């Protein structure tokens, strides 16, 4: 009987607890507890307190996803990405366990089973420099790019750690790159969903070679 009484307490102890200011670490720095992979077969591992995503051949976009969903929140983290690698951070995103047809902006669209879709904070180390823009992955395309945001385009630091901040409050979505405002817009299509770390597919490797890496660390979230 004493063991049975202890079980609920042990389960609570296993959950990440918020700090006094409300922040919760989504990544414990040791393993991928609380995360699961969907869509593609890119490699994810933990190394030196970071999550490392690595490109592989002949797979679609891959996503390391939180097992929990979130609605209104502030998300902060840091990333360092290879120069030729495209990536992103999903938020308020979804996937279906089986192929599902939905109507998007008046048009019917089929979503393959396990395909992650939804809001994405773009990580773009190319000359275009749209890191911090918001793309609607596998659904509607660009919602807020950085073509008229020169300060945000210049804020990304090639080959260094970069700070991300994403705020979702109702239908208002805001993003920052290294504390520089990037986007601020309203969209109400998805009020709640998972957080996910993307490794973009590279196809047959003719354009981008396999083995390129992106690292994420200090992944924390405060629910609002």
N, C-alpha and C. Protein backbone atom coordinates (compact mmCIF):
# COMPACT_ATOMS: atom_id res chain seq x y z
N UNK A 1 0.82 -1.21 0.00
CA UNK A 1 0.00 0.00 0.00
C UNK A 1 0.86 1.26 0.00
N UNK A 2 1.98 1.25 0.73
CA UNK A 2 2.85 2.41 0.77
C UNK A 2 3.42 2.71 -0.61
N UNK A 3 3.76 1.65 -1.39
CA UNK A 3 4.30 1.81 -2.73
C UNK A 3 3.27 2.47 -3.63
N UNK A 4 2.00 2.02 -3.52
CA UNK A 4 0.93 2.59 -4.34
C UNK A 4 0.74 4.07 -4.04
N UNK A 5 0.87 4.46 -2.76
CA UNK A 5 0.73 5.88 -2.40
C UNK A 5 1.85 6.72 -2.99
N UNK A 6 3.03 6.12 -3.15
CA UNK A 6 4.19 6.85 -3.66
C UNK A 6 4.15 7.05 -5.16
N UNK A 7 3.43 6.19 -5.90
CA UNK A 7 3.45 6.25 -7.36
C UNK A 7 3.04 7.61 -7.91
N UNK A 8 1.93 8.22 -7.46
CA UNK A 8 1.57 9.54 -8.00
C UNK A 8 2.66 10.58 -7.76
N UNK A 9 3.33 10.51 -6.60
CA UNK A 9 4.39 11.47 -6.31
C UNK A 9 5.58 11.27 -7.22
N UNK A 10 5.90 10.01 -7.51
CA UNK A 10 7.02 9.71 -8.41
C UNK A 10 6.73 10.21 -9.81
N UNK A 11 5.48 10.05 -10.26
CA UNK A 11 5.09 10.53 -11.59
C UNK A 11 5.22 12.04 -11.69
N UNK A 12 4.78 12.74 -10.63
CA UNK A 12 4.90 14.20 -10.63
C UNK A 12 6.34 14.63 -10.63
N UNK A 13 7.20 13.90 -9.94
CA UNK A 13 8.62 14.25 -9.87
C UNK A 13 9.29 14.14 -11.23
N UNK A 14 8.75 13.28 -12.11
CA UNK A 14 9.35 13.08 -13.43
C UNK A 14 9.01 14.20 -14.41
N UNK A 15 8.00 15.03 -14.09
CA UNK A 15 7.60 16.10 -14.99
C UNK A 15 8.49 17.32 -14.78
N UNK A 16 8.79 18.08 -15.87
CA UNK A 16 9.56 19.31 -15.70
C UNK A 16 8.76 20.33 -14.90
N UNK A 17 9.36 20.87 -13.85
CA UNK A 17 8.66 21.81 -13.00
C UNK A 17 9.02 23.23 -13.37
N UNK A 18 8.03 24.14 -13.37
CA UNK A 18 8.34 25.53 -13.72
C UNK A 18 9.14 26.20 -12.63
N UNK A 19 10.04 27.11 -13.04
CA UNK A 19 10.77 27.92 -12.08
C UNK A 19 9.82 28.94 -11.47
N UNK A 20 10.32 29.71 -10.49
CA UNK A 20 9.47 30.69 -9.82
C UNK A 20 8.91 31.71 -10.79
N UNK A 21 9.64 31.98 -11.90
CA UNK A 21 9.16 32.96 -12.88
C UNK A 21 8.33 32.33 -13.99
N UNK A 22 8.04 31.02 -13.88
CA UNK A 22 7.15 30.35 -14.83
C UNK A 22 7.82 29.65 -15.99
N UNK A 23 9.14 29.78 -16.14
CA UNK A 23 9.84 29.13 -17.25
C UNK A 23 10.02 27.63 -16.98
N UNK A 24 9.86 26.84 -18.04
CA UNK A 24 10.08 25.39 -17.98
C UNK A 24 11.09 25.01 -19.05
N UNK A 25 12.09 24.22 -18.70
CA UNK A 25 13.05 23.72 -19.67
C UNK A 25 12.43 22.54 -20.43
N UNK A 26 12.30 22.69 -21.75
CA UNK A 26 11.75 21.59 -22.56
C UNK A 26 12.80 20.54 -22.88
N UNK A 27 14.06 20.89 -22.77
CA UNK A 27 15.18 19.97 -23.03
C UNK A 27 16.04 19.91 -21.77
N UNK A 28 16.24 18.68 -21.27
CA UNK A 28 16.95 18.53 -20.00
C UNK A 28 18.47 18.54 -20.12
N UNK A 29 18.98 18.60 -21.36
CA UNK A 29 20.42 18.65 -21.56
C UNK A 29 21.12 17.31 -21.54
N UNK A 30 20.36 16.23 -21.26
CA UNK A 30 20.97 14.90 -21.14
C UNK A 30 20.47 13.91 -22.19
N UNK A 31 19.15 13.93 -22.45
CA UNK A 31 18.56 12.98 -23.39
C UNK A 31 17.33 13.62 -24.02
N UNK A 32 16.61 12.85 -24.83
CA UNK A 32 15.45 13.37 -25.55
C UNK A 32 14.13 13.00 -24.88
N UNK A 33 14.16 12.87 -23.58
CA UNK A 33 12.94 12.62 -22.82
C UNK A 33 11.95 13.76 -23.05
N UNK A 34 10.70 13.42 -23.38
CA UNK A 34 9.68 14.42 -23.66
C UNK A 34 9.57 14.80 -25.13
N UNK A 35 10.41 14.20 -25.97
CA UNK A 35 10.42 14.49 -27.41
C UNK A 35 10.22 13.20 -28.20
N UNK A 36 9.71 13.32 -29.43
CA UNK A 36 9.55 12.17 -30.32
C UNK A 36 9.67 12.64 -31.76
N UNK A 37 10.20 11.77 -32.62
CA UNK A 37 10.44 12.16 -34.01
C UNK A 37 9.27 11.78 -34.91
N UNK A 38 8.97 12.70 -35.86
CA UNK A 38 7.90 12.46 -36.83
C UNK A 38 8.35 12.89 -38.23
N UNK A 39 7.66 12.39 -39.22
CA UNK A 39 7.80 12.72 -40.65
C UNK A 39 9.02 12.07 -41.29
N UNK A 40 10.23 12.59 -41.13
CA UNK A 40 11.41 12.09 -41.83
C UNK A 40 12.33 11.27 -40.95
N UNK A 41 13.50 10.92 -41.50
CA UNK A 41 14.44 10.03 -40.81
C UNK A 41 15.81 10.67 -40.56
N UNK A 42 15.86 12.01 -40.54
CA UNK A 42 17.12 12.67 -40.17
C UNK A 42 17.53 12.19 -38.78
N UNK A 43 18.81 12.35 -38.46
CA UNK A 43 19.33 11.86 -37.19
C UNK A 43 19.31 12.95 -36.13
N UNK A 44 18.86 12.61 -34.93
CA UNK A 44 18.89 13.52 -33.79
C UNK A 44 19.63 12.82 -32.65
N UNK A 45 20.48 13.59 -31.97
CA UNK A 45 21.20 13.04 -30.82
C UNK A 45 21.46 14.17 -29.83
N UNK A 46 21.89 13.81 -28.62
CA UNK A 46 22.27 14.79 -27.62
C UNK A 46 23.78 14.74 -27.45
N UNK A 47 24.42 15.91 -27.49
CA UNK A 47 25.87 15.99 -27.37
C UNK A 47 26.25 17.30 -26.68
N UNK A 48 27.01 17.20 -25.61
CA UNK A 48 27.50 18.38 -24.89
C UNK A 48 26.38 19.35 -24.52
N UNK A 49 25.27 18.81 -24.04
CA UNK A 49 24.17 19.65 -23.60
C UNK A 49 23.38 20.30 -24.71
N UNK A 50 23.51 19.79 -25.94
CA UNK A 50 22.76 20.34 -27.07
C UNK A 50 22.03 19.20 -27.79
N UNK A 51 20.94 19.57 -28.47
CA UNK A 51 20.30 18.64 -29.41
C UNK A 51 20.94 18.88 -30.77
N UNK A 52 21.41 17.82 -31.41
CA UNK A 52 22.08 17.92 -32.70
C UNK A 52 21.21 17.23 -33.75
N UNK A 53 20.85 17.96 -34.80
CA UNK A 53 20.12 17.39 -35.93
C UNK A 53 21.04 17.28 -37.12
N UNK A 54 21.03 16.12 -37.79
CA UNK A 54 21.96 15.85 -38.89
C UNK A 54 21.21 15.41 -40.14
N UNK A 55 21.57 15.98 -41.29
CA UNK A 55 20.91 15.63 -42.54
C UNK A 55 21.32 14.24 -43.02
N UNK A 56 20.38 13.56 -43.66
CA UNK A 56 20.62 12.25 -44.28
C UNK A 56 20.00 12.25 -45.67
N UNK A 57 20.39 11.28 -46.46
CA UNK A 57 19.90 11.19 -47.84
C UNK A 57 18.48 10.65 -47.91
N UNK A 58 17.77 11.05 -48.96
CA UNK A 58 16.51 10.43 -49.39
C UNK A 58 15.44 10.35 -48.31
N UNK A 59 15.19 11.47 -47.67
CA UNK A 59 14.08 11.55 -46.71
C UNK A 59 13.46 12.93 -46.83
N UNK A 60 12.22 13.03 -46.42
CA UNK A 60 11.57 14.33 -46.39
C UNK A 60 12.00 15.12 -45.16
N UNK A 61 11.36 16.25 -44.94
CA UNK A 61 11.67 17.04 -43.76
C UNK A 61 11.39 16.23 -42.49
N UNK A 62 12.28 16.37 -41.52
CA UNK A 62 12.17 15.62 -40.27
C UNK A 62 11.92 16.58 -39.12
N UNK A 63 11.23 16.09 -38.08
CA UNK A 63 10.85 16.95 -36.97
C UNK A 63 10.97 16.21 -35.65
N UNK A 64 11.73 16.78 -34.73
CA UNK A 64 11.78 16.28 -33.36
C UNK A 64 10.76 17.09 -32.57
N UNK A 65 9.71 16.43 -32.09
CA UNK A 65 8.52 17.12 -31.57
C UNK A 65 8.34 16.91 -30.07
N UNK A 66 7.81 17.94 -29.42
CA UNK A 66 7.41 17.77 -28.04
C UNK A 66 6.21 16.83 -27.98
N UNK A 67 6.11 16.08 -26.90
CA UNK A 67 4.96 15.20 -26.72
C UNK A 67 3.75 15.99 -26.23
N UNK A 68 3.98 17.17 -25.70
CA UNK A 68 2.90 18.04 -25.23
C UNK A 68 2.57 19.10 -26.27
N UNK A 69 1.38 19.66 -26.18
CA UNK A 69 0.98 20.79 -27.02
C UNK A 69 0.93 22.06 -26.17
N UNK A 70 1.04 23.21 -26.85
CA UNK A 70 1.05 24.50 -26.16
C UNK A 70 0.21 25.50 -26.95
N UNK A 71 -0.42 26.42 -26.22
CA UNK A 71 -1.28 27.42 -26.84
C UNK A 71 -0.66 28.80 -26.82
N UNK A 72 -0.88 29.55 -25.74
CA UNK A 72 -0.27 30.87 -25.57
C UNK A 72 1.01 30.71 -24.75
N UNK A 73 2.11 31.25 -25.25
CA UNK A 73 3.40 31.01 -24.60
C UNK A 73 4.47 31.96 -25.13
N UNK A 74 5.59 31.98 -24.42
CA UNK A 74 6.84 32.55 -24.91
C UNK A 74 7.83 31.41 -24.99
N UNK A 75 8.45 31.23 -26.15
CA UNK A 75 9.46 30.19 -26.35
C UNK A 75 10.79 30.85 -26.65
N UNK A 76 11.83 30.43 -25.94
CA UNK A 76 13.18 30.92 -26.20
C UNK A 76 14.13 29.74 -26.34
N UNK A 77 15.11 29.89 -27.22
CA UNK A 77 16.16 28.88 -27.38
C UNK A 77 17.30 29.49 -28.18
N UNK A 78 18.40 28.74 -28.30
CA UNK A 78 19.53 29.15 -29.11
C UNK A 78 19.84 28.08 -30.13
N UNK A 79 20.35 28.48 -31.29
CA UNK A 79 20.74 27.51 -32.31
C UNK A 79 22.02 27.95 -33.00
N UNK A 80 22.73 26.96 -33.53
CA UNK A 80 23.89 27.21 -34.38
C UNK A 80 23.76 26.27 -35.58
N UNK A 81 23.81 26.82 -36.80
CA UNK A 81 23.47 26.04 -37.99
C UNK A 81 24.59 26.08 -39.01
N UNK A 82 24.77 24.98 -39.75
CA UNK A 82 25.74 24.94 -40.85
C UNK A 82 25.36 25.95 -41.93
N UNK A 83 26.34 26.47 -42.61
CA UNK A 83 26.14 27.57 -43.56
C UNK A 83 25.15 27.21 -44.68
N UNK A 84 25.16 25.98 -45.15
CA UNK A 84 24.32 25.60 -46.30
C UNK A 84 23.05 24.86 -45.90
N UNK A 85 22.72 24.88 -44.63
CA UNK A 85 21.61 24.05 -44.13
C UNK A 85 20.36 24.89 -43.87
N UNK A 86 19.22 24.41 -44.32
CA UNK A 86 17.94 25.05 -44.01
C UNK A 86 17.28 24.31 -42.85
N UNK A 87 16.65 25.06 -41.97
CA UNK A 87 16.01 24.44 -40.82
C UNK A 87 14.87 25.33 -40.34
N UNK A 88 14.29 24.98 -39.21
CA UNK A 88 13.21 25.79 -38.67
C UNK A 88 12.75 25.25 -37.34
N UNK A 89 11.91 26.03 -36.67
CA UNK A 89 11.33 25.66 -35.38
C UNK A 89 9.83 25.74 -35.52
N UNK A 90 9.18 24.60 -35.43
CA UNK A 90 7.72 24.57 -35.51
C UNK A 90 7.11 25.00 -34.18
N UNK A 91 5.96 25.68 -34.25
CA UNK A 91 5.21 26.01 -33.05
C UNK A 91 3.73 26.00 -33.41
N UNK A 92 2.90 25.66 -32.43
CA UNK A 92 1.46 25.46 -32.68
C UNK A 92 1.27 24.61 -33.93
N UNK A 93 2.05 23.55 -34.04
CA UNK A 93 2.00 22.68 -35.22
C UNK A 93 1.31 21.37 -34.91
N UNK A 94 1.02 20.60 -35.96
CA UNK A 94 0.22 19.38 -35.81
C UNK A 94 0.71 18.29 -36.76
N UNK A 95 0.18 17.08 -36.55
CA UNK A 95 0.32 15.99 -37.51
C UNK A 95 -0.86 15.04 -37.27
N UNK A 96 -1.22 14.29 -38.31
CA UNK A 96 -2.32 13.34 -38.19
C UNK A 96 -1.77 11.91 -38.17
N UNK A 97 -2.34 11.03 -37.35
CA UNK A 97 -1.86 9.64 -37.31
C UNK A 97 -2.16 8.85 -38.59
N UNK A 98 -3.12 9.33 -39.39
CA UNK A 98 -3.45 8.69 -40.66
C UNK A 98 -3.72 9.77 -41.70
N UNK A 99 -3.68 9.41 -42.98
CA UNK A 99 -3.92 10.40 -44.03
C UNK A 99 -5.27 11.08 -43.80
N UNK A 100 -5.26 12.41 -43.88
CA UNK A 100 -6.45 13.19 -43.55
C UNK A 100 -6.66 14.29 -44.58
N UNK A 101 -7.90 14.48 -45.00
CA UNK A 101 -8.23 15.56 -45.93
C UNK A 101 -8.90 16.69 -45.18
N UNK A 102 -8.38 17.92 -45.39
CA UNK A 102 -8.93 19.11 -44.74
C UNK A 102 -9.11 20.21 -45.76
N UNK A 103 -10.02 21.14 -45.48
CA UNK A 103 -10.21 22.30 -46.34
C UNK A 103 -9.37 23.46 -45.81
N UNK A 104 -8.46 23.96 -46.64
CA UNK A 104 -7.60 25.08 -46.28
C UNK A 104 -7.86 26.22 -47.25
N UNK A 105 -8.33 27.34 -46.73
CA UNK A 105 -8.65 28.51 -47.56
C UNK A 105 -9.53 28.15 -48.76
N UNK A 106 -10.54 27.34 -48.50
CA UNK A 106 -11.50 26.99 -49.53
C UNK A 106 -11.09 25.86 -50.45
N UNK A 107 -9.89 25.30 -50.25
CA UNK A 107 -9.41 24.20 -51.09
C UNK A 107 -9.15 22.96 -50.25
N UNK A 108 -9.55 21.80 -50.76
CA UNK A 108 -9.31 20.57 -50.04
C UNK A 108 -7.86 20.13 -50.22
N UNK A 109 -7.27 19.68 -49.11
CA UNK A 109 -5.86 19.27 -49.15
C UNK A 109 -5.69 18.00 -48.34
N UNK A 110 -4.88 17.08 -48.88
CA UNK A 110 -4.60 15.83 -48.18
C UNK A 110 -3.28 15.94 -47.44
N UNK A 111 -3.31 15.58 -46.17
CA UNK A 111 -2.10 15.54 -45.34
C UNK A 111 -1.71 14.08 -45.13
N UNK A 112 -0.52 13.67 -45.57
CA UNK A 112 -0.08 12.30 -45.34
C UNK A 112 0.01 11.99 -43.86
N UNK A 113 -0.12 10.74 -43.51
CA UNK A 113 0.02 10.33 -42.12
C UNK A 113 1.39 10.73 -41.58
N UNK A 114 1.41 11.29 -40.39
CA UNK A 114 2.63 11.63 -39.64
C UNK A 114 3.35 12.86 -40.16
N UNK A 115 2.81 13.55 -41.19
CA UNK A 115 3.48 14.73 -41.74
C UNK A 115 3.22 15.94 -40.87
N UNK A 116 4.26 16.50 -40.28
CA UNK A 116 4.13 17.68 -39.44
C UNK A 116 3.85 18.91 -40.31
N UNK A 117 2.92 19.75 -39.87
CA UNK A 117 2.59 20.97 -40.60
C UNK A 117 2.23 22.07 -39.61
N UNK A 118 2.32 23.31 -40.07
CA UNK A 118 1.94 24.44 -39.23
C UNK A 118 2.99 25.52 -39.18
N UNK A 119 2.84 26.43 -38.22
CA UNK A 119 3.72 27.60 -38.13
C UNK A 119 5.18 27.19 -37.92
N UNK A 120 6.05 27.84 -38.67
CA UNK A 120 7.48 27.56 -38.55
C UNK A 120 8.29 28.86 -38.48
N UNK A 121 9.10 28.97 -37.47
CA UNK A 121 10.11 30.03 -37.37
C UNK A 121 11.25 29.61 -38.28
N UNK A 122 11.46 30.35 -39.36
CA UNK A 122 12.45 29.97 -40.37
C UNK A 122 13.88 30.17 -39.87
N UNK A 123 14.74 29.19 -40.16
CA UNK A 123 16.18 29.31 -39.96
C UNK A 123 16.82 29.25 -41.33
N UNK A 124 17.32 30.39 -41.78
CA UNK A 124 17.76 30.55 -43.17
C UNK A 124 19.13 31.23 -43.22
N UNK A 125 20.23 30.44 -43.23
CA UNK A 125 21.56 31.03 -43.27
C UNK A 125 22.02 31.45 -44.65
N UNK A 126 21.15 31.36 -45.66
CA UNK A 126 21.51 31.74 -47.02
C UNK A 126 21.61 33.26 -47.14
N UNK A 127 22.00 33.74 -48.33
CA UNK A 127 22.10 35.18 -48.55
C UNK A 127 20.75 35.89 -48.44
N UNK A 128 19.67 35.17 -48.64
CA UNK A 128 18.33 35.76 -48.48
C UNK A 128 18.11 36.28 -47.06
N UNK A 129 18.64 35.53 -46.08
CA UNK A 129 18.64 35.96 -44.67
C UNK A 129 17.24 36.21 -44.11
N UNK A 130 16.38 35.21 -44.20
CA UNK A 130 15.03 35.35 -43.67
C UNK A 130 14.86 34.63 -42.33
N UNK A 131 15.93 34.41 -41.60
CA UNK A 131 15.83 33.80 -40.28
C UNK A 131 14.97 34.67 -39.37
N UNK A 132 13.94 34.06 -38.80
CA UNK A 132 12.99 34.79 -37.96
C UNK A 132 11.66 35.03 -38.64
N UNK A 133 11.60 34.82 -39.96
CA UNK A 133 10.33 34.89 -40.66
C UNK A 133 9.46 33.69 -40.30
N UNK A 134 8.18 33.77 -40.61
CA UNK A 134 7.26 32.68 -40.28
C UNK A 134 6.67 32.08 -41.55
N UNK A 135 6.89 30.78 -41.71
CA UNK A 135 6.44 30.00 -42.87
C UNK A 135 5.41 28.99 -42.37
N UNK A 136 4.35 28.80 -43.13
CA UNK A 136 3.34 27.80 -42.75
C UNK A 136 3.70 26.49 -43.44
N UNK A 137 4.44 25.66 -42.74
CA UNK A 137 5.00 24.41 -43.27
C UNK A 137 3.90 23.47 -43.76
N UNK A 138 4.04 23.04 -45.03
CA UNK A 138 3.17 22.02 -45.64
C UNK A 138 1.70 22.42 -45.66
N UNK A 139 1.44 23.77 -45.62
CA UNK A 139 0.04 24.19 -45.58
C UNK A 139 -0.20 25.41 -46.48
N UNK A 140 0.25 26.62 -46.08
CA UNK A 140 -0.06 27.83 -46.85
C UNK A 140 1.15 28.59 -47.36
N UNK A 141 2.36 28.20 -46.93
CA UNK A 141 3.55 28.93 -47.36
C UNK A 141 3.86 30.12 -46.47
N UNK A 142 4.52 31.14 -47.02
CA UNK A 142 4.97 32.27 -46.23
C UNK A 142 3.81 33.10 -45.68
N UNK A 143 3.88 33.36 -44.38
CA UNK A 143 2.91 34.23 -43.72
C UNK A 143 3.53 35.58 -43.39
N UNK A 144 4.83 35.58 -43.10
CA UNK A 144 5.53 36.83 -42.74
C UNK A 144 7.01 36.64 -43.06
N UNK A 145 7.45 37.18 -44.21
CA UNK A 145 8.87 37.06 -44.57
C UNK A 145 9.62 38.30 -44.11
N UNK A 146 10.92 38.38 -44.44
CA UNK A 146 11.74 39.49 -43.97
C UNK A 146 12.26 40.38 -45.10
N UNK A 147 11.61 40.37 -46.24
CA UNK A 147 12.13 41.13 -47.38
C UNK A 147 12.13 42.64 -47.12
N UNK A 148 11.28 43.13 -46.23
CA UNK A 148 11.26 44.55 -45.90
C UNK A 148 11.71 44.80 -44.46
N UNK A 149 12.54 43.86 -43.92
CA UNK A 149 13.01 43.97 -42.53
C UNK A 149 14.54 43.88 -42.50
N UNK A 150 15.24 44.91 -42.98
CA UNK A 150 16.70 44.85 -43.07
C UNK A 150 17.40 44.65 -41.73
N UNK A 151 16.87 45.23 -40.65
CA UNK A 151 17.50 45.07 -39.34
C UNK A 151 17.46 43.61 -38.90
N UNK A 152 16.31 42.95 -39.11
CA UNK A 152 16.20 41.54 -38.75
C UNK A 152 17.07 40.67 -39.64
N UNK A 153 17.18 41.01 -40.92
CA UNK A 153 18.02 40.23 -41.83
C UNK A 153 19.49 40.28 -41.40
N UNK A 154 19.91 41.42 -40.88
CA UNK A 154 21.30 41.58 -40.47
C UNK A 154 21.58 40.99 -39.09
N UNK A 155 20.53 40.64 -38.35
CA UNK A 155 20.71 40.20 -36.97
C UNK A 155 21.27 38.78 -36.85
N UNK A 156 21.00 37.93 -37.83
CA UNK A 156 21.50 36.55 -37.81
C UNK A 156 23.03 36.55 -37.86
N UNK A 157 23.66 35.67 -37.03
CA UNK A 157 25.11 35.57 -36.97
C UNK A 157 25.57 34.22 -37.50
N UNK A 158 26.21 34.26 -38.66
CA UNK A 158 26.67 33.05 -39.33
C UNK A 158 27.74 32.33 -38.50
N UNK A 159 27.54 31.02 -38.29
CA UNK A 159 28.52 30.21 -37.59
C UNK A 159 28.58 30.41 -36.09
N UNK A 160 27.63 31.18 -35.53
CA UNK A 160 27.60 31.46 -34.10
C UNK A 160 26.27 31.02 -33.50
N UNK A 161 26.19 31.08 -32.18
CA UNK A 161 24.91 30.83 -31.52
C UNK A 161 23.99 32.02 -31.73
N UNK A 162 22.74 31.73 -32.06
CA UNK A 162 21.72 32.75 -32.29
C UNK A 162 20.55 32.52 -31.35
N UNK A 163 19.99 33.61 -30.84
CA UNK A 163 18.88 33.52 -29.88
C UNK A 163 17.54 33.70 -30.59
N UNK A 164 16.62 32.81 -30.29
CA UNK A 164 15.26 32.83 -30.84
C UNK A 164 14.28 33.20 -29.73
N UNK A 165 13.30 34.02 -30.07
CA UNK A 165 12.17 34.27 -29.17
C UNK A 165 10.90 34.27 -30.01
N UNK A 166 9.92 33.51 -29.57
CA UNK A 166 8.61 33.42 -30.21
C UNK A 166 7.54 33.66 -29.16
N UNK A 167 6.62 34.57 -29.45
CA UNK A 167 5.51 34.83 -28.54
C UNK A 167 4.19 34.58 -29.26
N UNK A 168 3.32 33.81 -28.65
CA UNK A 168 1.98 33.56 -29.18
C UNK A 168 0.97 33.93 -28.11
N UNK A 169 0.13 34.92 -28.41
CA UNK A 169 -0.92 35.38 -27.50
C UNK A 169 -2.21 35.50 -28.30
N UNK A 170 -3.12 34.54 -28.15
CA UNK A 170 -4.32 34.54 -28.98
C UNK A 170 -3.92 34.43 -30.43
N UNK A 171 -4.42 35.36 -31.27
CA UNK A 171 -4.09 35.27 -32.69
C UNK A 171 -2.85 36.10 -33.05
N UNK A 172 -2.20 36.71 -32.06
CA UNK A 172 -1.01 37.51 -32.34
C UNK A 172 0.26 36.67 -32.22
N UNK A 173 1.08 36.72 -33.25
CA UNK A 173 2.34 35.97 -33.30
C UNK A 173 3.48 36.96 -33.51
N UNK A 174 4.51 36.89 -32.65
CA UNK A 174 5.68 37.76 -32.76
C UNK A 174 6.95 36.91 -32.70
N UNK A 175 7.96 37.32 -33.46
CA UNK A 175 9.24 36.62 -33.42
C UNK A 175 10.38 37.62 -33.34
N UNK A 176 11.51 37.16 -32.77
CA UNK A 176 12.74 37.94 -32.68
C UNK A 176 13.92 37.06 -33.07
N UNK A 177 14.99 37.66 -33.58
CA UNK A 177 16.26 36.99 -33.81
C UNK A 177 17.34 37.83 -33.14
N UNK A 178 18.01 37.24 -32.17
CA UNK A 178 19.04 37.95 -31.39
C UNK A 178 18.53 39.28 -30.86
N UNK A 179 17.30 39.22 -30.30
CA UNK A 179 16.63 40.35 -29.65
C UNK A 179 16.19 41.45 -30.62
N UNK A 180 16.30 41.22 -31.91
CA UNK A 180 15.82 42.17 -32.92
C UNK A 180 14.44 41.72 -33.40
N UNK A 181 13.41 42.57 -33.35
CA UNK A 181 12.08 42.18 -33.83
C UNK A 181 12.13 41.73 -35.29
N UNK A 182 11.47 40.61 -35.58
CA UNK A 182 11.45 40.09 -36.95
C UNK A 182 10.05 40.13 -37.55
N UNK A 183 9.06 39.54 -36.88
CA UNK A 183 7.69 39.55 -37.40
C UNK A 183 6.70 39.87 -36.29
N UNK A 184 5.56 40.40 -36.68
CA UNK A 184 4.47 40.71 -35.76
C UNK A 184 3.19 40.73 -36.60
N UNK A 185 2.40 39.68 -36.50
CA UNK A 185 1.21 39.56 -37.34
C UNK A 185 0.13 38.77 -36.60
N UNK A 186 -1.04 38.68 -37.20
CA UNK A 186 -2.15 37.96 -36.59
C UNK A 186 -2.62 36.83 -37.51
N UNK A 187 -2.85 35.68 -36.91
CA UNK A 187 -3.35 34.53 -37.65
C UNK A 187 -3.99 33.57 -36.64
N UNK A 188 -5.19 33.11 -36.92
CA UNK A 188 -5.94 32.32 -35.94
C UNK A 188 -6.20 30.89 -36.40
N UNK A 189 -5.48 30.43 -37.43
CA UNK A 189 -5.79 29.10 -37.96
C UNK A 189 -5.55 27.99 -36.94
N UNK A 190 -4.44 28.08 -36.19
CA UNK A 190 -4.13 27.02 -35.23
C UNK A 190 -3.81 27.63 -33.87
N UNK A 191 -4.71 27.52 -32.89
CA UNK A 191 -4.48 28.14 -31.59
C UNK A 191 -3.60 27.35 -30.65
N UNK A 192 -3.31 26.09 -30.99
CA UNK A 192 -2.54 25.24 -30.07
C UNK A 192 -1.86 24.13 -30.85
N UNK A 193 -0.66 23.72 -30.41
CA UNK A 193 0.01 22.62 -31.10
C UNK A 193 1.36 22.32 -30.48
N UNK A 194 2.11 21.47 -31.15
CA UNK A 194 3.40 21.03 -30.66
C UNK A 194 4.50 22.04 -31.01
N UNK A 195 5.63 21.91 -30.32
CA UNK A 195 6.88 22.56 -30.68
C UNK A 195 7.73 21.50 -31.36
N UNK A 196 8.47 21.85 -32.42
CA UNK A 196 9.29 20.84 -33.10
C UNK A 196 10.54 21.49 -33.71
N UNK A 197 11.61 20.71 -33.76
CA UNK A 197 12.89 21.14 -34.33
C UNK A 197 13.07 20.45 -35.67
N UNK A 198 13.19 21.24 -36.74
CA UNK A 198 13.22 20.69 -38.09
C UNK A 198 14.63 20.49 -38.62
N UNK A 199 14.83 19.36 -39.30
CA UNK A 199 15.98 19.16 -40.18
C UNK A 199 15.40 19.01 -41.58
N UNK A 200 15.72 19.95 -42.47
CA UNK A 200 15.16 19.95 -43.81
C UNK A 200 15.74 18.81 -44.64
N UNK A 201 14.91 18.18 -45.46
CA UNK A 201 15.38 17.12 -46.35
C UNK A 201 16.36 17.65 -47.39
N UNK A 202 17.27 16.80 -47.84
CA UNK A 202 18.25 17.19 -48.86
C UNK A 202 18.15 16.32 -50.12
N UNK A 203 17.11 15.50 -50.21
CA UNK A 203 16.92 14.67 -51.40
C UNK A 203 18.07 13.71 -51.62
N UNK A 204 18.60 13.69 -52.86
CA UNK A 204 19.66 12.74 -53.20
C UNK A 204 21.05 13.27 -52.87
N UNK A 205 21.15 14.47 -52.30
CA UNK A 205 22.43 15.00 -51.87
C UNK A 205 23.23 15.71 -52.93
N UNK A 206 22.67 15.91 -54.13
CA UNK A 206 23.42 16.57 -55.20
C UNK A 206 23.67 18.05 -54.89
N UNK A 207 22.71 18.69 -54.22
CA UNK A 207 22.85 20.10 -53.88
C UNK A 207 23.48 20.30 -52.51
N UNK A 208 23.01 19.55 -51.55
CA UNK A 208 23.55 19.61 -50.19
C UNK A 208 23.97 18.22 -49.75
N UNK A 209 25.16 18.11 -49.21
CA UNK A 209 25.70 16.81 -48.80
C UNK A 209 25.12 16.38 -47.45
N UNK A 210 25.01 15.07 -47.24
CA UNK A 210 24.55 14.60 -45.93
C UNK A 210 25.60 14.87 -44.85
N UNK A 211 25.14 14.87 -43.61
CA UNK A 211 26.06 15.07 -42.49
C UNK A 211 26.13 16.50 -41.99
N UNK A 212 25.41 17.45 -42.61
CA UNK A 212 25.39 18.81 -42.10
C UNK A 212 24.58 18.85 -40.81
N UNK A 213 24.97 19.74 -39.89
CA UNK A 213 24.37 19.72 -38.56
C UNK A 213 23.82 21.08 -38.13
N UNK A 214 22.78 21.01 -37.31
CA UNK A 214 22.26 22.15 -36.59
C UNK A 214 22.18 21.76 -35.12
N UNK A 215 22.49 22.70 -34.24
CA UNK A 215 22.45 22.45 -32.80
C UNK A 215 21.48 23.42 -32.13
N UNK A 216 20.75 22.89 -31.15
CA UNK A 216 19.83 23.71 -30.35
C UNK A 216 20.17 23.51 -28.87
N UNK A 217 20.03 24.57 -28.09
CA UNK A 217 20.28 24.47 -26.65
C UNK A 217 19.40 25.48 -25.90
N UNK A 218 19.37 25.32 -24.57
CA UNK A 218 18.63 26.24 -23.70
C UNK A 218 17.20 26.46 -24.18
N UNK A 219 16.52 25.34 -24.45
CA UNK A 219 15.14 25.39 -24.96
C UNK A 219 14.19 25.53 -23.76
N UNK A 220 13.56 26.67 -23.65
CA UNK A 220 12.67 26.90 -22.50
C UNK A 220 11.39 27.60 -22.95
N UNK A 221 10.33 27.38 -22.17
CA UNK A 221 9.01 27.90 -22.54
C UNK A 221 8.28 28.38 -21.29
N UNK A 222 7.54 29.48 -21.45
CA UNK A 222 6.68 29.97 -20.37
C UNK A 222 5.27 30.10 -20.92
N UNK A 223 4.34 29.37 -20.35
CA UNK A 223 2.94 29.46 -20.77
C UNK A 223 2.31 30.74 -20.22
N UNK A 224 1.46 31.34 -21.03
CA UNK A 224 0.84 32.62 -20.68
C UNK A 224 -0.64 32.43 -20.31
